[in-house]
């Protein structure tokens, strides 16, 4: 540790700007906001105001926008990453949980996907019009399978593969990882997991494998996207969540 940076309140999650010059920290403590950290000076330079306390902060794949979701405020708060000023806010009927994004051919953001409090599925928001265009419920369980009542929200954790062809969605309730085709959003795969909890997911950079954190059984499921099979179940520490993928240079 080289420095501790005081924040405006208790943090919940963070995102790194595409240039690496800024870190955006979601503040879960009232009144909320997104703290902006300058990585050169290691100082908090400002707090972006939000409508509600913040569960998670993100940067869009093109690096142009900072996006923050509020469970308490039921809002999606979007900021211009260049000016660090509000761009738009969308009020929803349920709290905002994990989000992810799909891109247009030119790299700009096409859709924002968000999971919602108490809902086993996700909403689709058109980034250009700032409107919800679809809400999709994850499939019902087939006969003989039981739900998992413990863990995170019913559907918590999602990601888009790097080729922009597949959206993967965790369902804690169904103990499954679902794959949806893009852009038509049809279910193209279901993997029932060996662990329990399905609380978060991260993808390898090539989009070939998904790693699902299972906080109920303290393990991580490794799913092969092409074959739609769980290929490993890795025991880890207590209550794994918010796993991410990092690329290290050798």
Foldseek 3Di string as FASTA:
>chain_A
DPDDEDDPADFAEWEAAPVRQWIWTWHQDPPTFIFIAGPVVRYGPDTADDQHGFNYWYAAQVRQWIWTWHQVRQKIWIAGNVVRHTDDMDHDPFGWADKEFFADPVRHTAWIWTDGAQAQWIWIAGPVVRGTDDTDHDDDDDPPAFFDPDADGQKAEWYAAPVRFWIWTFGLGRQWIWIAGPPVGDTDAIERDPAHHQHYWEADNRRQWIWTFHQVRQWIFIAGPVVRYGPDIGHHDHRDHDDYDDDDDD
